[in-house]
Amino acid sequence: MFGADKLIGKLQSAVQGFELPKLGSEVEIPVYVVHNSLDCEDYFFIFDFEQFVGAARKGLFSRPKLLVWAGRDDFSRTTFARQFRQSFAEEFDAARMQLEKQGERKTGWFGFLKNTFGELKGASFGAFLSNLVLLVAMTSGKAVLSQILPTSWFGSKSDADKLDSAIQDTQSKVDLALQALVITLHPELMEHAYRDGGAGQRSKLDRDAWPLPQYVKKHLHDEKSGSWW
């Protein structure tokens, strides 16, 4: 594994003159927030990467769009943002590794890390890639690279501090955007969240929402985040 100084050097070299790939058509990434109990802070996530992975298999850099469904939204948005980012990173990286294991050649965003930074590896850079996708999903896609590589990397701090500072800065930007993310209330998820018969915030329901996919219905009691593609 590279030391922090070598990682910094290779990243600086890799991003010189680099531009984000041209983004294609918008592809939704549905996310379902499933409550385990009547506690508003007790929930997990189910991510649907099916369309996103489909585009990646064609080598396309689609413009991701998060579509978040929940049964209630009276939870802490700060805690939600942190847990969402962490769970998204884990599931996104699992999909990336599975595609790589299957020998997929046209992997779009999933191959972006390896194709751009070559031999750089490690958990930090798995998070780097998922954070990049999240930022693109919540912004116009412009100036995202400058958000991922803040000026602190080129300051007077030690190399290790620069790397840590950059990762923390990126996570902070993602968390801030996630706190303002629009969450849509789904009738079936609300029924599940208030299975004691509580009324919930029914005035905020999307009553025209499609029924939950069978995959989600099968995993309403998993109590652990997951994904499918």
Protein backbone atom coordinates (compact mmCIF):
# COMPACT_ATOMS: atom_id res chain seq x y z
CA MET A 1 0.00 0.00 0.00
CA PHE A 2 1.29 3.47 -0.84
CA GLY A 3 2.34 5.90 1.86
CA ALA A 4 0.37 9.13 2.16
CA ASP A 5 3.09 11.13 0.40
CA LYS A 6 3.09 8.84 -2.62
CA LEU A 7 -0.70 8.79 -2.74
CA ILE A 8 -0.79 12.59 -2.75
CA GLY A 9 1.83 12.76 -5.47
CA LYS A 10 0.06 10.28 -7.73
CA LEU A 11 -3.29 11.97 -7.25
CA GLN A 12 -1.84 15.40 -8.02
CA SER A 13 -0.24 13.97 -11.13
CA ALA A 14 -3.42 12.18 -12.20
CA VAL A 15 -5.71 15.20 -11.89
CA GLN A 16 -3.50 17.66 -13.76
CA GLY A 17 -5.55 18.64 -16.79
CA PHE A 18 -8.18 16.05 -15.88
CA GLU A 19 -11.84 16.79 -16.48
CA LEU A 20 -14.91 14.88 -15.42
CA PRO A 21 -16.22 12.56 -18.13
CA LYS A 22 -19.10 13.85 -20.20
CA LEU A 23 -22.28 12.90 -18.41
CA GLY A 24 -24.98 11.08 -20.30
CA SER A 25 -28.70 10.82 -19.66
CA GLU A 26 -30.11 10.97 -16.16
CA VAL A 27 -30.50 7.65 -14.36
CA GLU A 28 -32.43 7.34 -11.11
CA ILE A 29 -31.03 5.57 -8.07
CA PRO A 30 -34.08 4.78 -5.91
CA VAL A 31 -33.35 4.50 -2.20
CA TYR A 32 -35.80 3.10 0.36
CA VAL A 33 -35.53 4.13 4.01
CA VAL A 34 -37.03 1.25 6.00
CA HIS A 35 -37.81 1.60 9.70
CA ASN A 36 -37.03 -1.35 11.96
CA SER A 37 -39.24 -0.19 14.81
CA LEU A 38 -41.48 2.65 15.97
CA ASP A 39 -38.35 4.65 16.84
CA CYS A 40 -37.92 7.37 14.19
CA GLU A 41 -34.12 7.01 14.37
CA ASP A 42 -34.12 3.23 13.83
CA TYR A 43 -33.91 2.49 10.10
CA PHE A 44 -31.80 1.07 7.30
CA PHE A 45 -31.42 1.65 3.54
CA ILE A 46 -32.13 -0.39 0.43
CA PHE A 47 -30.39 0.95 -2.69
CA ASP A 48 -31.55 0.13 -6.21
CA PHE A 49 -28.51 0.33 -8.52
CA GLU A 50 -30.16 -1.65 -11.34
CA GLN A 51 -30.47 1.14 -13.93
CA PHE A 52 -27.20 2.73 -12.84
CA VAL A 53 -25.26 -0.53 -13.20
CA GLY A 54 -27.01 -1.17 -16.53
CA ALA A 55 -25.65 2.11 -17.86
CA ALA A 56 -22.22 1.36 -16.40
CA ARG A 57 -22.07 -1.99 -18.17
CA LYS A 58 -22.40 -0.06 -21.43
CA GLY A 59 -19.52 2.17 -20.39
CA LEU A 60 -21.81 5.17 -19.86
CA PHE A 61 -21.21 7.92 -17.31
CA SER A 62 -24.86 8.58 -16.56
CA ARG A 63 -26.00 11.51 -14.46
CA PRO A 64 -27.21 9.86 -11.23
CA LYS A 65 -30.34 11.17 -9.55
CA LEU A 66 -31.26 10.07 -6.04
CA LEU A 67 -34.93 9.27 -5.46
CA VAL A 68 -35.41 8.67 -1.73
CA TRP A 69 -38.56 7.05 -0.33
CA ALA A 70 -39.41 6.71 3.37
CA GLY A 71 -42.32 6.03 5.67
CA ARG A 72 -41.55 9.00 7.92
CA ASP A 73 -39.09 11.89 7.87
CA ASP A 74 -39.10 13.16 11.46
CA PHE A 75 -35.63 11.75 12.12
CA SER A 76 -32.42 13.73 12.61
CA ARG A 77 -31.22 14.85 9.18
CA THR A 78 -27.65 15.14 10.45
CA THR A 79 -27.60 11.50 11.55
CA PHE A 80 -29.44 10.49 8.38
CA ALA A 81 -26.80 12.16 6.19
CA ARG A 82 -23.90 10.39 7.90
CA GLN A 83 -25.58 6.98 7.85
CA PHE A 84 -26.71 7.43 4.24
CA ARG A 85 -23.19 8.32 3.09
CA GLN A 86 -21.62 5.38 4.91
CA SER A 87 -24.21 2.86 3.72
CA PHE A 88 -24.09 4.17 0.15
CA ALA A 89 -20.29 3.85 0.11
CA GLU A 90 -20.42 0.25 1.35
CA GLU A 91 -23.09 -0.87 -1.11
CA PHE A 92 -21.64 1.06 -4.04
CA ASP A 93 -18.22 -0.47 -3.42
CA ALA A 94 -19.77 -3.94 -3.16
CA ALA A 95 -21.35 -3.44 -6.59
CA ARG A 96 -18.05 -2.15 -7.98
CA MET A 97 -16.11 -5.16 -6.70
CA GLN A 98 -18.73 -7.57 -8.00
CA LEU A 99 -18.55 -6.04 -11.48
CA GLU A 100 -14.77 -6.26 -11.37
CA LYS A 101 -14.97 -9.88 -10.22
CA GLN A 102 -17.26 -10.66 -13.15
CA GLY A 103 -14.70 -9.18 -15.52
CA GLU A 104 -16.92 -6.34 -16.70
CA ARG A 105 -14.94 -4.16 -19.11
CA LYS A 106 -17.32 -1.26 -19.65
CA THR A 107 -17.98 -0.16 -16.10
CA GLY A 108 -18.57 3.60 -16.38
CA TRP A 109 -18.50 5.19 -12.95
CA PHE A 110 -17.62 1.85 -11.35
CA GLY A 111 -14.38 1.69 -13.31
CA PHE A 112 -13.63 5.39 -12.96
CA LEU A 113 -11.35 5.00 -9.93
CA LYS A 114 -9.19 2.28 -11.42
CA ASN A 115 -9.09 3.74 -14.92
CA THR A 116 -8.18 7.22 -13.68
CA PHE A 117 -5.83 6.54 -10.77
CA GLY A 118 -4.48 3.19 -11.89
CA GLU A 119 -2.93 1.26 -9.01
CA LEU A 120 -4.30 3.40 -6.18
CA LYS A 121 -6.27 1.20 -3.83
CA GLY A 122 -7.72 1.23 -0.34
CA ALA A 123 -10.89 1.97 1.59
CA SER A 124 -10.23 5.71 1.41
CA PHE A 125 -10.47 5.67 -2.35
CA GLY A 126 -13.58 3.50 -2.37
CA ALA A 127 -15.18 6.27 -0.33
CA PHE A 128 -13.64 8.81 -2.72
CA LEU A 129 -15.52 7.27 -5.66
CA SER A 130 -18.87 6.93 -3.90
CA ASN A 131 -18.62 10.51 -2.62
CA LEU A 132 -17.90 11.71 -6.14
CA VAL A 133 -21.03 9.97 -7.43
CA LEU A 134 -23.10 11.43 -4.59
CA LEU A 135 -21.83 14.94 -5.29
CA VAL A 136 -22.63 14.61 -8.99
CA ALA A 137 -26.10 13.34 -8.06
CA MET A 138 -26.76 16.39 -5.89
CA THR A 139 -25.13 19.08 -8.03
CA SER A 140 -24.99 20.08 -11.66
CA GLY A 141 -21.82 18.04 -11.98
CA LYS A 142 -19.69 21.13 -12.50
CA ALA A 143 -16.74 21.94 -10.24
CA VAL A 144 -17.16 18.59 -8.49
CA LEU A 145 -13.49 17.76 -8.90
CA SER A 146 -12.46 20.91 -7.05
CA GLN A 147 -14.76 19.85 -4.22
CA ILE A 148 -13.19 16.42 -4.07
CA LEU A 149 -9.63 17.81 -4.18
CA PRO A 150 -9.67 20.84 -1.85
CA THR A 151 -6.81 23.32 -1.61
CA SER A 152 -5.77 21.84 1.74
CA TRP A 153 -3.88 19.17 -0.21
CA PHE A 154 -1.45 21.78 -1.45
CA GLY A 155 -0.90 23.67 1.80
CA SER A 156 1.80 23.40 4.43
CA LYS A 157 0.32 20.47 6.36
CA SER A 158 2.05 17.10 6.48
CA ASP A 159 1.12 14.64 3.74
CA ALA A 160 -0.88 12.46 6.14
CA ASP A 161 -2.78 15.50 7.41
CA LYS A 162 -3.46 16.65 3.84
CA LEU A 163 -4.98 13.30 2.94
CA ASP A 164 -7.07 13.11 6.10
CA SER A 165 -8.20 16.72 5.69
CA ALA A 166 -9.25 16.12 2.08
CA ILE A 167 -11.29 13.05 2.99
CA GLN A 168 -12.98 14.83 5.89
CA ASP A 169 -13.69 17.88 3.73
CA THR A 170 -15.30 15.72 1.06
CA GLN A 171 -17.45 13.90 3.58
CA SER A 172 -18.58 17.20 5.10
CA LYS A 173 -19.73 18.50 1.70
CA VAL A 174 -21.64 15.29 0.98
CA ASP A 175 -23.27 15.30 4.42
CA LEU A 176 -24.34 18.91 4.02
CA ALA A 177 -25.98 18.17 0.67
CA LEU A 178 -27.67 15.04 2.03
CA GLN A 179 -29.20 17.00 4.90
CA ALA A 180 -31.13 19.04 2.33
CA LEU A 181 -32.09 16.02 0.21
CA VAL A 182 -35.78 15.74 -0.70
CA ILE A 183 -37.42 12.69 0.92
CA THR A 184 -40.76 11.46 -0.42
CA LEU A 185 -43.16 9.58 1.85
CA HIS A 186 -44.42 6.27 0.45
CA PRO A 187 -47.78 4.82 1.61
CA GLU A 188 -46.48 1.27 2.12
CA LEU A 189 -43.34 2.41 3.91
CA MET A 190 -45.46 4.61 6.17
CA GLU A 191 -47.72 1.68 6.99
CA HIS A 192 -44.61 -0.31 7.89
CA ALA A 193 -43.09 2.52 9.94
CA TYR A 194 -46.33 3.06 11.89
CA ARG A 195 -47.36 -0.57 12.20
CA ASP A 196 -48.76 0.16 15.66
CA GLY A 197 -51.56 2.08 13.95
CA GLY A 198 -50.06 5.56 14.31
CA ALA A 199 -51.30 8.16 11.88
CA GLY A 200 -47.98 9.55 10.66
CA GLN A 201 -47.68 12.58 8.39
CA ARG A 202 -50.27 11.47 5.86
CA SER A 203 -50.67 14.95 4.43
CA LYS A 204 -47.14 14.58 3.01
CA LEU A 205 -47.76 11.21 1.34
CA ASP A 206 -47.24 10.72 -2.39
CA ARG A 207 -50.51 8.91 -2.96
CA ASP A 208 -49.65 8.33 -6.63
CA ALA A 209 -46.46 6.42 -5.80
CA TRP A 210 -45.94 3.07 -7.49
CA PRO A 211 -46.22 0.00 -5.23
CA LEU A 212 -42.99 -1.07 -3.58
CA PRO A 213 -40.88 -3.40 -5.74
CA GLN A 214 -41.01 -7.04 -4.67
CA TYR A 215 -37.34 -6.89 -3.69
CA VAL A 216 -38.07 -4.19 -1.14
CA LYS A 217 -41.12 -6.02 0.23
CA LYS A 218 -39.00 -9.13 0.77
CA HIS A 219 -36.41 -7.23 2.78
CA LEU A 220 -38.56 -5.00 4.99
CA HIS A 221 -37.40 -6.90 8.06
CA ASP A 222 -33.69 -7.27 7.28
CA GLU A 223 -32.62 -4.52 9.70
CA LYS A 224 -29.46 -4.06 7.65
CA SER A 225 -28.73 -1.93 4.59
CA GLY A 226 -28.44 -3.68 1.24
CA SER A 227 -28.68 -3.20 -2.50
CA TRP A 228 -29.49 -4.91 -5.77
CA TRP A 229 -28.53 -4.38 -9.38
